[in-house]
Amino acid sequence: DELENQLNRRIKIIRCDNAKEYTSHEFDEWTKSLGIKAEYSAPYCQSQNGLAERAIQTINNTITAMLIESGLPKCYWADAARQAAFIWNSI
């Protein structure tokens, strides 16, 4: 609901891997109740999830650049990650 309200768009499809938290009966019932289609990639096949893999790489590169440019130590990685994800989601 929060994401839909922020973007003023309805979530129609969730793409995820075959992790147990996404293949449970509860998750299946939850997505069906909201009218969301769940699409699963093949296990251990990162190439099927290229968009997510690229997003992760971009966010990691942003985190690294932020820490290097600011001169902050690695202990601030989580704070930089939060900000990098915020920037990525704002685009």
PDB file of N, CA and C in Angstrom:
ATOM      1  N   ASP A   1       0.816  -1.197   0.000  1.00  0.00           N
ATOM      2  CA  ASP A   1       0.000   0.000   0.000  1.00  0.00           C
ATOM      3  C   ASP A   1       0.861   1.263   0.000  1.00  0.00           C
ATOM      4  N   GLU A   2       1.923   1.262   0.801  1.00  0.00           N
ATOM      5  CA  GLU A   2       2.764   2.453   0.896  1.00  0.00           C
ATOM      6  C   GLU A   2       3.406   2.777  -0.445  1.00  0.00           C
ATOM      7  N   LEU A   3       3.962   1.760  -1.104  1.00  0.00           N
ATOM      8  CA  LEU A   3       4.601   1.972  -2.398  1.00  0.00           C
ATOM      9  C   LEU A   3       3.587   2.418  -3.437  1.00  0.00           C
ATOM     10  N   GLU A   4       2.419   1.796  -3.442  1.00  0.00           N
ATOM     11  CA  GLU A   4       1.374   2.186  -4.387  1.00  0.00           C
ATOM     12  C   GLU A   4       0.956   3.632  -4.156  1.00  0.00           C
ATOM     13  N   ASN A   5       0.850   4.048  -2.901  1.00  0.00           N
ATOM     14  CA  ASN A   5       0.477   5.426  -2.593  1.00  0.00           C
ATOM     15  C   ASN A   5       1.557   6.405  -3.026  1.00  0.00           C
ATOM     16  N   GLN A   6       2.820   6.055  -2.825  1.00  0.00           N
ATOM     17  CA  GLN A   6       3.917   6.949  -3.191  1.00  0.00           C
ATOM     18  C   GLN A   6       4.006   7.135  -4.695  1.00  0.00           C
ATOM     19  N   LEU A   7       3.819   6.057  -5.433  1.00  0.00           N
ATOM     20  CA  LEU A   7       3.970   6.122  -6.889  1.00  0.00           C
ATOM     21  C   LEU A   7       2.660   6.370  -7.617  1.00  0.00           C
ATOM     22  N   ASN A   8       1.554   6.286  -6.893  1.00  0.00           N
ATOM     23  CA  ASN A   8       0.228   6.412  -7.483  1.00  0.00           C
ATOM     24  C   ASN A   8       0.033   5.397  -8.616  1.00  0.00           C
ATOM     25  N   ARG A   9       0.548   4.199  -8.394  1.00  0.00           N
ATOM     26  CA  ARG A   9       0.417   3.095  -9.348  1.00  0.00           C
ATOM     27  C   ARG A   9       0.089   1.832  -8.589  1.00  0.00           C
ATOM     28  N   ARG A  10      -0.562   0.905  -9.268  1.00  0.00           N
ATOM     29  CA  ARG A  10      -0.937  -0.362  -8.659  1.00  0.00           C
ATOM     30  C   ARG A  10       0.112  -1.423  -8.976  1.00  0.00           C
ATOM     31  N   ILE A  11       0.504  -2.204  -7.983  1.00  0.00           N
ATOM     32  CA  ILE A  11       1.459  -3.294  -8.194  1.00  0.00           C
ATOM     33  C   ILE A  11       0.712  -4.453  -8.830  1.00  0.00           C
ATOM     34  N   LYS A  12       1.220  -4.924  -9.980  1.00  0.00           N
ATOM     35  CA  LYS A  12       0.562  -6.000 -10.708  1.00  0.00           C
ATOM     36  C   LYS A  12       1.344  -7.303 -10.664  1.00  0.00           C
ATOM     37  N   ILE A  13       2.679  -7.197 -10.679  1.00  0.00           N
ATOM     38  CA  ILE A  13       3.534  -8.381 -10.729  1.00  0.00           C
ATOM     39  C   ILE A  13       4.691  -8.207  -9.754  1.00  0.00           C
ATOM     40  N   ILE A  14       5.007  -9.274  -9.041  1.00  0.00           N
ATOM     41  CA  ILE A  14       6.199  -9.317  -8.205  1.00  0.00           C
ATOM     42  C   ILE A  14       7.100 -10.391  -8.796  1.00  0.00           C
ATOM     43  N   ARG A  15       8.327 -10.022  -9.110  1.00  0.00           N
ATOM     44  CA  ARG A  15       9.296 -10.997  -9.618  1.00  0.00           C
ATOM     45  C   ARG A  15      10.276 -11.300  -8.494  1.00  0.00           C
ATOM     46  N   CYS A  16      10.454 -12.575  -8.226  1.00  0.00           N
ATOM     47  CA  CYS A  16      11.337 -12.960  -7.128  1.00  0.00           C
ATOM     48  C   CYS A  16      11.986 -14.310  -7.420  1.00  0.00           C
ATOM     49  N   ASP A  17      12.982 -14.622  -6.616  1.00  0.00           N
ATOM     50  CA  ASP A  17      13.639 -15.912  -6.766  1.00  0.00           C
ATOM     51  C   ASP A  17      12.816 -16.975  -6.044  1.00  0.00           C
ATOM     52  N   ASN A  18      13.300 -18.165  -5.985  1.00  0.00           N
ATOM     53  CA  ASN A  18      12.578 -19.263  -5.364  1.00  0.00           C
ATOM     54  C   ASN A  18      12.925 -19.450  -3.889  1.00  0.00           C
ATOM     55  N   ALA A  19      13.254 -18.358  -3.208  1.00  0.00           N
ATOM     56  CA  ALA A  19      13.540 -18.436  -1.785  1.00  0.00           C
ATOM     57  C   ALA A  19      12.285 -18.871  -1.034  1.00  0.00           C
ATOM     58  N   LYS A  20      12.476 -19.547   0.080  1.00  0.00           N
ATOM     59  CA  LYS A  20      11.346 -20.123   0.820  1.00  0.00           C
ATOM     60  C   LYS A  20      10.316 -19.073   1.243  1.00  0.00           C
ATOM     61  N   GLU A  21      10.774 -17.878   1.576  1.00  0.00           N
ATOM     62  CA  GLU A  21       9.818 -16.860   2.021  1.00  0.00           C
ATOM     63  C   GLU A  21       8.878 -16.417   0.898  1.00  0.00           C
ATOM     64  N   TYR A  22       9.284 -16.662  -0.368  1.00  0.00           N
ATOM     65  CA  TYR A  22       8.442 -16.282  -1.496  1.00  0.00           C
ATOM     66  C   TYR A  22       7.634 -17.445  -2.066  1.00  0.00           C
ATOM     67  N   THR A  23       7.915 -18.633  -1.626  1.00  0.00           N
ATOM     68  CA  THR A  23       7.197 -19.794  -2.155  1.00  0.00           C
ATOM     69  C   THR A  23       6.268 -20.411  -1.116  1.00  0.00           C
ATOM     70  N   SER A  24       6.070 -19.724  -0.023  1.00  0.00           N
ATOM     71  CA  SER A  24       5.203 -20.255   1.031  1.00  0.00           C
ATOM     72  C   SER A  24       3.731 -20.103   0.651  1.00  0.00           C
ATOM     73  N   HIS A  25       2.907 -20.894   1.280  1.00  0.00           N
ATOM     74  CA  HIS A  25       1.463 -20.821   1.060  1.00  0.00           C
ATOM     75  C   HIS A  25       0.933 -19.445   1.473  1.00  0.00           C
ATOM     76  N   GLU A  26       1.470 -18.898   2.566  1.00  0.00           N
ATOM     77  CA  GLU A  26       1.021 -17.594   3.053  1.00  0.00           C
ATOM     78  C   GLU A  26       1.312 -16.494   2.038  1.00  0.00           C
ATOM     79  N   PHE A  27       2.512 -16.527   1.453  1.00  0.00           N
ATOM     80  CA  PHE A  27       2.868 -15.520   0.457  1.00  0.00           C
ATOM     81  C   PHE A  27       1.970 -15.653  -0.772  1.00  0.00           C
ATOM     82  N   ASP A  28       1.713 -16.881  -1.192  1.00  0.00           N
ATOM     83  CA  ASP A  28       0.846 -17.137  -2.337  1.00  0.00           C
ATOM     84  C   ASP A  28      -0.562 -16.604  -2.083  1.00  0.00           C
ATOM     85  N   GLU A  29      -1.087 -16.867  -0.910  1.00  0.00           N
ATOM     86  CA  GLU A  29      -2.423 -16.379  -0.557  1.00  0.00           C
ATOM     87  C   GLU A  29      -2.462 -14.855  -0.485  1.00  0.00           C
ATOM     88  N   TRP A  30      -1.398 -14.261   0.058  1.00  0.00           N
ATOM     89  CA  TRP A  30      -1.318 -12.805   0.178  1.00  0.00           C
ATOM     90  C   TRP A  30      -1.324 -12.143  -1.191  1.00  0.00           C
ATOM     91  N   THR A  31      -0.492 -12.647  -2.118  1.00  0.00           N
ATOM     92  CA  THR A  31      -0.453 -12.056  -3.454  1.00  0.00           C
ATOM     93  C   THR A  31      -1.786 -12.235  -4.176  1.00  0.00           C
ATOM     94  N   LYS A  32      -2.379 -13.405  -4.053  1.00  0.00           N
ATOM     95  CA  LYS A  32      -3.676 -13.639  -4.702  1.00  0.00           C
ATOM     96  C   LYS A  32      -4.753 -12.724  -4.139  1.00  0.00           C
ATOM     97  N   SER A  33      -4.738 -12.496  -2.837  1.00  0.00           N
ATOM     98  CA  SER A  33      -5.756 -11.641  -2.223  1.00  0.00           C
ATOM     99  C   SER A  33      -5.663 -10.196  -2.703  1.00  0.00           C
ATOM    100  N   LEU A  34      -4.459  -9.786  -3.102  1.00  0.00           N
ATOM    101  CA  LEU A  34      -4.253  -8.425  -3.596  1.00  0.00           C
ATOM    102  C   LEU A  34      -4.316  -8.335  -5.119  1.00  0.00           C
ATOM    103  N   GLY A  35      -4.520  -9.476  -5.766  1.00  0.00           N
ATOM    104  CA  GLY A  35      -4.568  -9.494  -7.226  1.00  0.00           C
ATOM    105  C   GLY A  35      -3.210  -9.296  -7.867  1.00  0.00           C
ATOM    106  N   ILE A  36      -2.157  -9.705  -7.170  1.00  0.00           N
ATOM    107  CA  ILE A  36      -0.788  -9.567  -7.664  1.00  0.00           C
ATOM    108  C   ILE A  36      -0.310 -10.921  -8.171  1.00  0.00           C
ATOM    109  N   LYS A  37       0.286 -10.914  -9.362  1.00  0.00           N
ATOM    110  CA  LYS A  37       0.836 -12.139  -9.936  1.00  0.00           C
ATOM    111  C   LYS A  37       2.285 -12.282  -9.476  1.00  0.00           C
ATOM    112  N   ALA A  38       2.648 -13.455  -8.977  1.00  0.00           N
ATOM    113  CA  ALA A  38       4.026 -13.719  -8.565  1.00  0.00           C
ATOM    114  C   ALA A  38       4.731 -14.503  -9.658  1.00  0.00           C
ATOM    115  N   GLU A  39       5.860 -13.981 -10.136  1.00  0.00           N
ATOM    116  CA  GLU A  39       6.676 -14.670 -11.146  1.00  0.00           C
ATOM    117  C   GLU A  39       7.986 -15.068 -10.490  1.00  0.00           C
ATOM    118  N   TYR A  40       8.416 -16.290 -10.731  1.00  0.00           N
ATOM    119  CA  TYR A  40       9.619 -16.826 -10.096  1.00  0.00           C
ATOM    120  C   TYR A  40      10.691 -17.134 -11.128  1.00  0.00           C
ATOM    121  N   SER A  41      11.929 -16.839 -10.762  1.00  0.00           N
ATOM    122  CA  SER A  41      13.050 -17.204 -11.620  1.00  0.00           C
ATOM    123  C   SER A  41      13.503 -18.611 -11.248  1.00  0.00           C
ATOM    124  N   ALA A  42      14.270 -19.207 -12.134  1.00  0.00           N
ATOM    125  CA  ALA A  42      14.809 -20.534 -11.847  1.00  0.00           C
ATOM    126  C   ALA A  42      15.825 -20.424 -10.709  1.00  0.00           C
ATOM    127  N   PRO A  43      15.901 -21.436  -9.842  1.00  0.00           N
ATOM    128  CA  PRO A  43      16.855 -21.377  -8.731  1.00  0.00           C
ATOM    129  C   PRO A  43      18.299 -21.263  -9.226  1.00  0.00           C
ATOM    130  N   TYR A  44      19.075 -20.437  -8.547  1.00  0.00           N
ATOM    131  CA  TYR A  44      20.508 -20.260  -8.819  1.00  0.00           C
ATOM    132  C   TYR A  44      20.779 -19.822 -10.257  1.00  0.00           C
ATOM    133  N   CYS A  45      19.892 -19.033 -10.816  1.00  0.00           N
ATOM    134  CA  CYS A  45      20.058 -18.566 -12.201  1.00  0.00           C
ATOM    135  C   CYS A  45      19.948 -17.042 -12.216  1.00  0.00           C
ATOM    136  N   GLN A  46      21.031 -16.372 -11.881  1.00  0.00           N
ATOM    137  CA  GLN A  46      21.028 -14.919 -11.782  1.00  0.00           C
ATOM    138  C   GLN A  46      20.708 -14.244 -13.107  1.00  0.00           C
ATOM    139  N   SER A  47      21.033 -14.899 -14.219  1.00  0.00           N
ATOM    140  CA  SER A  47      20.803 -14.282 -15.526  1.00  0.00           C
ATOM    141  C   SER A  47      19.325 -14.036 -15.789  1.00  0.00           C
ATOM    142  N   GLN A  48      18.440 -14.771 -15.126  1.00  0.00           N
ATOM    143  CA  GLN A  48      17.003 -14.549 -15.316  1.00  0.00           C
ATOM    144  C   GLN A  48      16.506 -13.337 -14.532  1.00  0.00           C
ATOM    145  N   ASN A  49      17.340 -12.805 -13.676  1.00  0.00           N
ATOM    146  CA  ASN A  49      16.937 -11.676 -12.859  1.00  0.00           C
ATOM    147  C   ASN A  49      17.892 -10.513 -13.108  1.00  0.00           C
ATOM    148  N   GLY A  50      18.148 -10.230 -14.374  1.00  0.00           N
ATOM    149  CA  GLY A  50      19.138  -9.245 -14.760  1.00  0.00           C
ATOM    150  C   GLY A  50      18.880  -7.845 -14.245  1.00  0.00           C
ATOM    151  N   LEU A  51      17.619  -7.408 -14.258  1.00  0.00           N
ATOM    152  CA  LEU A  51      17.303  -6.064 -13.802  1.00  0.00           C
ATOM    153  C   LEU A  51      17.641  -5.900 -12.325  1.00  0.00           C
ATOM    154  N   ALA A  52      17.266  -6.863 -11.510  1.00  0.00           N
ATOM    155  CA  ALA A  52      17.572  -6.781 -10.079  1.00  0.00           C
ATOM    156  C   ALA A  52      19.075  -6.860  -9.835  1.00  0.00           C
ATOM    157  N   GLU A  53      19.756  -7.751 -10.568  1.00  0.00           N
ATOM    158  CA  GLU A  53      21.207  -7.877 -10.398  1.00  0.00           C
ATOM    159  C   GLU A  53      21.904  -6.571 -10.771  1.00  0.00           C
ATOM    160  N   ARG A  54      21.434  -5.913 -11.829  1.00  0.00           N
ATOM    161  CA  ARG A  54      22.027  -4.651 -12.250  1.00  0.00           C
ATOM    162  C   ARG A  54      21.750  -3.560 -11.210  1.00  0.00           C
ATOM    163  N   ALA A  55      20.545  -3.554 -10.647  1.00  0.00           N
ATOM    164  CA  ALA A  55      20.202  -2.574  -9.616  1.00  0.00           C
ATOM    165  C   ALA A  55      21.096  -2.747  -8.388  1.00  0.00           C
ATOM    166  N   ILE A  56      21.310  -3.986  -7.990  1.00  0.00           N
ATOM    167  CA  ILE A  56      22.179  -4.261  -6.841  1.00  0.00           C
ATOM    168  C   ILE A  56      23.598  -3.769  -7.115  1.00  0.00           C
ATOM    169  N   GLN A  57      24.094  -4.030  -8.318  1.00  0.00           N
ATOM    170  CA  GLN A  57      25.441  -3.581  -8.683  1.00  0.00           C
ATOM    171  C   GLN A  57      25.524  -2.051  -8.666  1.00  0.00           C
ATOM    172  N   THR A  58      24.513  -1.395  -9.206  1.00  0.00           N
ATOM    173  CA  THR A  58      24.498   0.070  -9.233  1.00  0.00           C
ATOM    174  C   THR A  58      24.469   0.639  -7.828  1.00  0.00           C
ATOM    175  N   ILE A  59      23.642   0.066  -6.957  1.00  0.00           N
ATOM    176  CA  ILE A  59      23.567   0.551  -5.578  1.00  0.00           C
ATOM    177  C   ILE A  59      24.889   0.321  -4.853  1.00  0.00           C
ATOM    178  N   ASN A  60      25.500  -0.840  -5.047  1.00  0.00           N
ATOM    179  CA  ASN A  60      26.801  -1.101  -4.421  1.00  0.00           C
ATOM    180  C   ASN A  60      27.867  -0.135  -4.916  1.00  0.00           C
ATOM    181  N   ASN A  61      27.857   0.170  -6.205  1.00  0.00           N
ATOM    182  CA  ASN A  61      28.811   1.140  -6.746  1.00  0.00           C
ATOM    183  C   ASN A  61      28.567   2.527  -6.159  1.00  0.00           C
ATOM    184  N   THR A  62      27.308   2.883  -5.979  1.00  0.00           N
ATOM    185  CA  THR A  62      26.963   4.176  -5.386  1.00  0.00           C
ATOM    186  C   THR A  62      27.441   4.253  -3.941  1.00  0.00           C
ATOM    187  N   ILE A  63      27.246   3.178  -3.196  1.00  0.00           N
ATOM    188  CA  ILE A  63      27.700   3.125  -1.802  1.00  0.00           C
ATOM    189  C   ILE A  63      29.211   3.330  -1.735  1.00  0.00           C
ATOM    190  N   THR A  64      29.927   2.603  -2.560  1.00  0.00           N
ATOM    191  CA  THR A  64      31.390   2.701  -2.581  1.00  0.00           C
ATOM    192  C   THR A  64      31.824   4.122  -2.916  1.00  0.00           C
ATOM    193  N   ALA A  65      31.211   4.710  -3.939  1.00  0.00           N
ATOM    194  CA  ALA A  65      31.574   6.075  -4.337  1.00  0.00           C
ATOM    195  C   ALA A  65      31.281   7.074  -3.227  1.00  0.00           C
ATOM    196  N   MET A  66      30.134   6.905  -2.556  1.00  0.00           N
ATOM    197  CA  MET A  66      29.777   7.821  -1.466  1.00  0.00           C
ATOM    198  C   MET A  66      30.799   7.745  -0.329  1.00  0.00           C
ATOM    199  N   LEU A  67      31.192   6.541   0.036  1.00  0.00           N
ATOM    200  CA  LEU A  67      32.143   6.381   1.139  1.00  0.00           C
ATOM    201  C   LEU A  67      33.523   6.916   0.765  1.00  0.00           C
ATOM    202  N   ILE A  68      33.973   6.639  -0.452  1.00  0.00           N
ATOM    203  CA  ILE A  68      35.289   7.124  -0.884  1.00  0.00           C
ATOM    204  C   ILE A  68      35.295   8.645  -0.959  1.00  0.00           C
ATOM    205  N   GLU A  69      34.274   9.208  -1.594  1.00  0.00           N
ATOM    206  CA  GLU A  69      34.225  10.662  -1.777  1.00  0.00           C
ATOM    207  C   GLU A  69      34.115  11.401  -0.447  1.00  0.00           C
ATOM    208  N   SER A  70      33.375  10.832   0.493  1.00  0.00           N
ATOM    209  CA  SER A  70      33.180  11.496   1.784  1.00  0.00           C
ATOM    210  C   SER A  70      34.351  11.268   2.738  1.00  0.00           C
ATOM    211  N   GLY A  71      35.132  10.222   2.470  1.00  0.00           N
ATOM    212  CA  GLY A  71      36.237   9.894   3.366  1.00  0.00           C
ATOM    213  C   GLY A  71      35.794   9.167   4.625  1.00  0.00           C
ATOM    214  N   LEU A  72      34.543   8.732   4.649  1.00  0.00           N
ATOM    215  CA  LEU A  72      34.037   8.020   5.825  1.00  0.00           C
ATOM    216  C   LEU A  72      34.523   6.575   5.834  1.00  0.00           C
ATOM    217  N   PRO A  73      34.689   5.995   7.030  1.00  0.00           N
ATOM    218  CA  PRO A  73      35.115   4.594   7.116  1.00  0.00           C
ATOM    219  C   PRO A  73      33.973   3.640   6.738  1.00  0.00           C
ATOM    220  N   LYS A  74      34.324   2.384   6.528  1.00  0.00           N
ATOM    221  CA  LYS A  74      33.358   1.356   6.116  1.00  0.00           C
ATOM    222  C   LYS A  74      32.254   1.120   7.132  1.00  0.00           C
ATOM    223  N   CYS A  75      32.461   1.541   8.380  1.00  0.00           N
ATOM    224  CA  CYS A  75      31.414   1.333   9.394  1.00  0.00           C
ATOM    225  C   CYS A  75      30.152   2.133   9.062  1.00  0.00           C
ATOM    226  N   TYR A  76      30.236   3.073   8.127  1.00  0.00           N
ATOM    227  CA  TYR A  76      29.071   3.845   7.692  1.00  0.00           C
ATOM    228  C   TYR A  76      28.409   3.240   6.448  1.00  0.00           C
ATOM    229  N   TRP A  77      28.777   2.005   6.123  1.00  0.00           N
ATOM    230  CA  TRP A  77      28.246   1.345   4.925  1.00  0.00           C
ATOM    231  C   TRP A  77      26.723   1.274   4.955  1.00  0.00           C
ATOM    232  N   ALA A  78      26.139   0.893   6.083  1.00  0.00           N
ATOM    233  CA  ALA A  78      24.677   0.756   6.171  1.00  0.00           C
ATOM    234  C   ALA A  78      23.977   2.093   5.941  1.00  0.00           C
ATOM    235  N   ASP A  79      24.536   3.170   6.474  1.00  0.00           N
ATOM    236  CA  ASP A  79      23.943   4.492   6.256  1.00  0.00           C
ATOM    237  C   ASP A  79      24.037   4.888   4.789  1.00  0.00           C
ATOM    238  N   ALA A  80      25.180   4.612   4.176  1.00  0.00           N
ATOM    239  CA  ALA A  80      25.340   4.909   2.752  1.00  0.00           C
ATOM    240  C   ALA A  80      24.397   4.048   1.918  1.00  0.00           C
ATOM    241  N   ALA A  81      24.210   2.795   2.327  1.00  0.00           N
ATOM    242  CA  ALA A  81      23.300   1.897   1.604  1.00  0.00           C
ATOM    243  C   ALA A  81      21.874   2.423   1.660  1.00  0.00           C
ATOM    244  N   ARG A  82      21.457   2.885   2.813  1.00  0.00           N
ATOM    245  CA  ARG A  82      20.101   3.430   2.959  1.00  0.00           C
ATOM    246  C   ARG A  82      19.908   4.633   2.036  1.00  0.00           C
ATOM    247  N   GLN A  83      20.910   5.505   1.988  1.00  0.00           N
ATOM    248  CA  GLN A  83      20.811   6.691   1.134  1.00  0.00           C
ATOM    249  C   GLN A  83      20.874   6.329  -0.354  1.00  0.00           C
ATOM    250  N   ALA A  84      21.735   5.379  -0.702  1.00  0.00           N
ATOM    251  CA  ALA A  84      21.842   4.954  -2.097  1.00  0.00           C
ATOM    252  C   ALA A  84      20.536   4.324  -2.574  1.00  0.00           C
ATOM    253  N   ALA A  85      19.913   3.512  -1.728  1.00  0.00           N
ATOM    254  CA  ALA A  85      18.623   2.901  -2.086  1.00  0.00           C
ATOM    255  C   ALA A  85      17.553   3.969  -2.215  1.00  0.00           C
ATOM    256  N   PHE A  86      17.585   4.968  -1.340  1.00  0.00           N
ATOM    257  CA  PHE A  86      16.616   6.066  -1.428  1.00  0.00           C
ATOM    258  C   PHE A  86      16.775   6.802  -2.754  1.00  0.00           C
ATOM    259  N   ILE A  87      18.017   7.090  -3.125  1.00  0.00           N
ATOM    260  CA  ILE A  87      18.277   7.783  -4.396  1.00  0.00           C
ATOM    261  C   ILE A  87      17.792   6.918  -5.563  1.00  0.00           C
ATOM    262  N   TRP A  88      18.135   5.638  -5.548  1.00  0.00           N
ATOM    263  CA  TRP A  88      17.739   4.726  -6.623  1.00  0.00           C
ATOM    264  C   TRP A  88      16.213   4.657  -6.749  1.00  0.00           C
ATOM    265  N   ASN A  89      15.516   4.597  -5.638  1.00  0.00           N
ATOM    266  CA  ASN A  89      14.054   4.502  -5.654  1.00  0.00           C
ATOM    267  C   ASN A  89      13.387   5.835  -6.017  1.00  0.00           C
ATOM    268  N   SER A  90      14.121   6.936  -5.922  1.00  0.00           N
ATOM    269  CA  SER A  90      13.571   8.243  -6.258  1.00  0.00           C
ATOM    270  C   SER A  90      13.654   8.569  -7.746  1.00  0.00           C
ATOM    271  N   ILE A  91      14.438   7.790  -8.450  1.00  0.00           N
ATOM    272  CA  ILE A  91      14.641   8.058  -9.883  1.00  0.00           C
ATOM    273  C   ILE A  91      13.414   7.656 -10.669  1.00  0.00           C
TER     274      ILE A  91
END
